[in-house]
């Protein structure tokens, strides 16, 4: 697969780049990358991003993302599980905000402001 070939794809369908990396051409003409793998008998398809939009995923970027997925699999890590965990793990800022909200009634406005400045 090359950048020129990808640009020329217009017929809806799925096209392979190799080693689990694919591009899907949707009926409306948009294109998106995805990675397919099988682990412990379960087939997974993970989206890697679209070719257009605010953060376009080029062929080079899609290949790097697919390499990362293959590295995870080689190290006995499930890319799907890792992605799910990343979605559910709260950020420090979110946890700090939750703490401040929980303590707000016990604190003076000055104390709340000091905590906000310290954490956020």
C-alpha atoms as a PDB file:
ATOM      1  CA  UNK A   1       0.000   0.000   0.000  1.00  0.00           C
ATOM      2  CA  UNK A   2       1.244   3.506  -0.785  1.00  0.00           C
ATOM      3  CA  UNK A   3      -0.043   7.011  -0.074  1.00  0.00           C
ATOM      4  CA  UNK A   4      -0.936   7.392  -3.755  1.00  0.00           C
ATOM      5  CA  UNK A   5      -2.873   4.116  -3.813  1.00  0.00           C
ATOM      6  CA  UNK A   6      -4.756   5.088  -0.658  1.00  0.00           C
ATOM      7  CA  UNK A   7      -5.666   8.454  -2.134  1.00  0.00           C
ATOM      8  CA  UNK A   8      -7.036   6.696  -5.210  1.00  0.00           C
ATOM      9  CA  UNK A   9      -9.268   4.298  -3.288  1.00  0.00           C
ATOM     10  CA  UNK A  10     -12.894   5.219  -3.858  1.00  0.00           C
ATOM     11  CA  UNK A  11     -14.835   1.957  -4.007  1.00  0.00           C
ATOM     12  CA  UNK A  12     -16.324   1.116  -0.580  1.00  0.00           C
ATOM     13  CA  UNK A  13     -14.630  -1.859   0.989  1.00  0.00           C
ATOM     14  CA  UNK A  14     -11.760  -3.061   3.120  1.00  0.00           C
ATOM     15  CA  UNK A  15      -8.180  -3.005   1.855  1.00  0.00           C
ATOM     16  CA  UNK A  16      -5.198  -4.699   3.535  1.00  0.00           C
ATOM     17  CA  UNK A  17      -1.831  -3.101   4.134  1.00  0.00           C
ATOM     18  CA  UNK A  18      -0.516  -6.263   5.768  1.00  0.00           C
ATOM     19  CA  UNK A  19       0.141  -7.808   9.182  1.00  0.00           C
ATOM     20  CA  UNK A  20      -3.300  -6.926  10.529  1.00  0.00           C
ATOM     21  CA  UNK A  21      -3.515  -3.320   9.285  1.00  0.00           C
ATOM     22  CA  UNK A  22      -6.493  -2.391   7.092  1.00  0.00           C
ATOM     23  CA  UNK A  23      -8.162   0.675   5.676  1.00  0.00           C
ATOM     24  CA  UNK A  24     -11.913   0.853   5.237  1.00  0.00           C
ATOM     25  CA  UNK A  25     -13.460   3.024   2.544  1.00  0.00           C
ATOM     26  CA  UNK A  26     -16.972   3.930   3.657  1.00  0.00           C
ATOM     27  CA  UNK A  27     -19.896   4.455   1.238  1.00  0.00           C
ATOM     28  CA  UNK A  28     -19.702   8.235   1.722  1.00  0.00           C
ATOM     29  CA  UNK A  29     -16.043   8.219   0.692  1.00  0.00           C
ATOM     30  CA  UNK A  30     -14.432   8.638   4.107  1.00  0.00           C
ATOM     31  CA  UNK A  31     -11.544   6.351   5.006  1.00  0.00           C
ATOM     32  CA  UNK A  32     -10.475   4.933   8.339  1.00  0.00           C
ATOM     33  CA  UNK A  33      -7.723   2.655   9.594  1.00  0.00           C
ATOM     34  CA  UNK A  34      -8.190  -0.375  11.808  1.00  0.00           C
ATOM     35  CA  UNK A  35      -6.135  -3.238  13.158  1.00  0.00           C
ATOM     36  CA  UNK A  36      -7.358  -6.848  13.432  1.00  0.00           C
ATOM     37  CA  UNK A  37      -5.821  -9.458  15.678  1.00  0.00           C
ATOM     38  CA  UNK A  38      -6.782 -12.690  17.369  1.00  0.00           C
ATOM     39  CA  UNK A  39      -5.825 -13.414  20.954  1.00  0.00           C
ATOM     40  CA  UNK A  40      -6.906 -16.424  23.000  1.00  0.00           C
ATOM     41  CA  UNK A  41      -9.380 -17.325  20.283  1.00  0.00           C
ATOM     42  CA  UNK A  42     -11.082 -13.926  20.288  1.00  0.00           C
ATOM     43  CA  UNK A  43     -10.999 -11.745  17.182  1.00  0.00           C
ATOM     44  CA  UNK A  44     -10.682  -8.021  17.836  1.00  0.00           C
ATOM     45  CA  UNK A  45     -10.900  -5.038  15.524  1.00  0.00           C
ATOM     46  CA  UNK A  46      -9.493  -1.774  16.861  1.00  0.00           C
ATOM     47  CA  UNK A  47      -9.979   1.565  15.122  1.00  0.00           C
ATOM     48  CA  UNK A  48      -6.828   3.616  14.616  1.00  0.00           C
ATOM     49  CA  UNK A  49      -8.344   6.800  13.206  1.00  0.00           C
ATOM     50  CA  UNK A  50      -9.528   8.373  10.006  1.00  0.00           C
ATOM     51  CA  UNK A  51      -7.635   9.754   7.065  1.00  0.00           C
ATOM     52  CA  UNK A  52      -9.348  13.135   7.386  1.00  0.00           C
ATOM     53  CA  UNK A  53     -10.428  15.346  10.255  1.00  0.00           C
ATOM     54  CA  UNK A  54      -8.663  17.285  12.975  1.00  0.00           C
ATOM     55  CA  UNK A  55      -6.029  14.596  13.555  1.00  0.00           C
ATOM     56  CA  UNK A  56      -5.624  12.709  10.269  1.00  0.00           C
ATOM     57  CA  UNK A  57      -3.981   9.301  10.487  1.00  0.00           C
ATOM     58  CA  UNK A  58      -1.617   8.909   7.559  1.00  0.00           C
ATOM     59  CA  UNK A  59      -0.255   5.603   6.288  1.00  0.00           C
ATOM     60  CA  UNK A  60       2.968   6.150   8.271  1.00  0.00           C
ATOM     61  CA  UNK A  61       1.069   6.888  11.489  1.00  0.00           C
ATOM     62  CA  UNK A  62      -1.255   3.911  10.976  1.00  0.00           C
ATOM     63  CA  UNK A  63       1.755   1.640  10.487  1.00  0.00           C
ATOM     64  CA  UNK A  64       3.367   2.948  13.707  1.00  0.00           C
ATOM     65  CA  UNK A  65       0.136   2.374  15.611  1.00  0.00           C
ATOM     66  CA  UNK A  66      -0.128  -1.147  14.196  1.00  0.00           C
ATOM     67  CA  UNK A  67       3.521  -1.783  15.178  1.00  0.00           C
ATOM     68  CA  UNK A  68       2.665  -0.691  18.724  1.00  0.00           C
ATOM     69  CA  UNK A  69      -0.246  -3.140  18.775  1.00  0.00           C
ATOM     70  CA  UNK A  70       1.959  -5.980  17.510  1.00  0.00           C
ATOM     71  CA  UNK A  71       4.574  -5.138  20.175  1.00  0.00           C
ATOM     72  CA  UNK A  72       1.907  -5.331  22.858  1.00  0.00           C
ATOM     73  CA  UNK A  73       0.766  -8.713  21.561  1.00  0.00           C
ATOM     74  CA  UNK A  74       4.365  -9.970  21.460  1.00  0.00           C
ATOM     75  CA  UNK A  75       4.661  -8.994  25.131  1.00  0.00           C
ATOM     76  CA  UNK A  76       1.438 -10.857  25.995  1.00  0.00           C
ATOM     77  CA  UNK A  77      -0.575  -7.649  26.432  1.00  0.00           C
ATOM     78  CA  UNK A  78      -4.002  -7.222  24.900  1.00  0.00           C
ATOM     79  CA  UNK A  79      -4.273  -3.922  22.972  1.00  0.00           C
ATOM     80  CA  UNK A  80      -8.055  -3.872  23.424  1.00  0.00           C
ATOM     81  CA  UNK A  81      -7.787  -4.312  27.205  1.00  0.00           C
ATOM     82  CA  UNK A  82      -5.087  -1.629  27.355  1.00  0.00           C
ATOM     83  CA  UNK A  83      -7.309   0.795  25.452  1.00  0.00           C
ATOM     84  CA  UNK A  84     -10.268   0.063  27.730  1.00  0.00           C
ATOM     85  CA  UNK A  85      -8.110   0.584  30.829  1.00  0.00           C
ATOM     86  CA  UNK A  86      -6.849   3.908  29.478  1.00  0.00           C
ATOM     87  CA  UNK A  87     -10.443   5.071  28.996  1.00  0.00           C
ATOM     88  CA  UNK A  88     -11.453   4.188  32.542  1.00  0.00           C
ATOM     89  CA  UNK A  89      -8.365   5.375  34.405  1.00  0.00           C
ATOM     90  CA  UNK A  90      -9.117   8.836  35.784  1.00  0.00           C
ATOM     91  CA  UNK A  91      -6.584  11.601  35.344  1.00  0.00           C
ATOM     92  CA  UNK A  92      -4.935  13.266  38.305  1.00  0.00           C
ATOM     93  CA  UNK A  93      -6.852  16.468  37.599  1.00  0.00           C
ATOM     94  CA  UNK A  94     -10.183  14.599  37.664  1.00  0.00           C
ATOM     95  CA  UNK A  95      -9.384  12.911  40.978  1.00  0.00           C
ATOM     96  CA  UNK A  96      -8.168  16.212  42.471  1.00  0.00           C
ATOM     97  CA  UNK A  97     -11.386  17.929  41.358  1.00  0.00           C
ATOM     98  CA  UNK A  98     -13.477  15.161  42.923  1.00  0.00           C
ATOM     99  CA  UNK A  99     -11.579  15.523  46.204  1.00  0.00           C
ATOM    100  CA  UNK A 100     -12.033  19.291  46.238  1.00  0.00           C
ATOM    101  CA  UNK A 101     -15.756  18.932  45.529  1.00  0.00           C
ATOM    102  CA  UNK A 102     -16.127  16.362  48.327  1.00  0.00           C
ATOM    103  CA  UNK A 103     -14.319  18.589  50.842  1.00  0.00           C
ATOM    104  CA  UNK A 104     -15.787  21.926  49.750  1.00  0.00           C
ATOM    105  CA  UNK A 105     -18.426  22.031  52.508  1.00  0.00           C
ATOM    106  CA  UNK A 106     -15.772  21.499  55.193  1.00  0.00           C
ATOM    107  CA  UNK A 107     -13.377  24.157  53.868  1.00  0.00           C
ATOM    108  CA  UNK A 108     -13.316  27.903  53.789  1.00  0.00           C
ATOM    109  CA  UNK A 109     -13.212  29.533  50.344  1.00  0.00           C
ATOM    110  CA  UNK A 110      -9.536  30.338  50.971  1.00  0.00           C
ATOM    111  CA  UNK A 111      -8.714  26.678  51.697  1.00  0.00           C
ATOM    112  CA  UNK A 112     -10.517  25.587  48.558  1.00  0.00           C
ATOM    113  CA  UNK A 113      -8.588  28.140  46.504  1.00  0.00           C
ATOM    114  CA  UNK A 114      -5.272  26.984  48.005  1.00  0.00           C
ATOM    115  CA  UNK A 115      -6.041  23.390  47.056  1.00  0.00           C
ATOM    116  CA  UNK A 116      -7.062  24.400  43.555  1.00  0.00           C
ATOM    117  CA  UNK A 117      -3.847  26.350  43.050  1.00  0.00           C
ATOM    118  CA  UNK A 118      -1.788  23.465  44.427  1.00  0.00           C
ATOM    119  CA  UNK A 119      -3.379  20.713  42.355  1.00  0.00           C
ATOM    120  CA  UNK A 120      -4.943  22.229  39.301  1.00  0.00           C
END
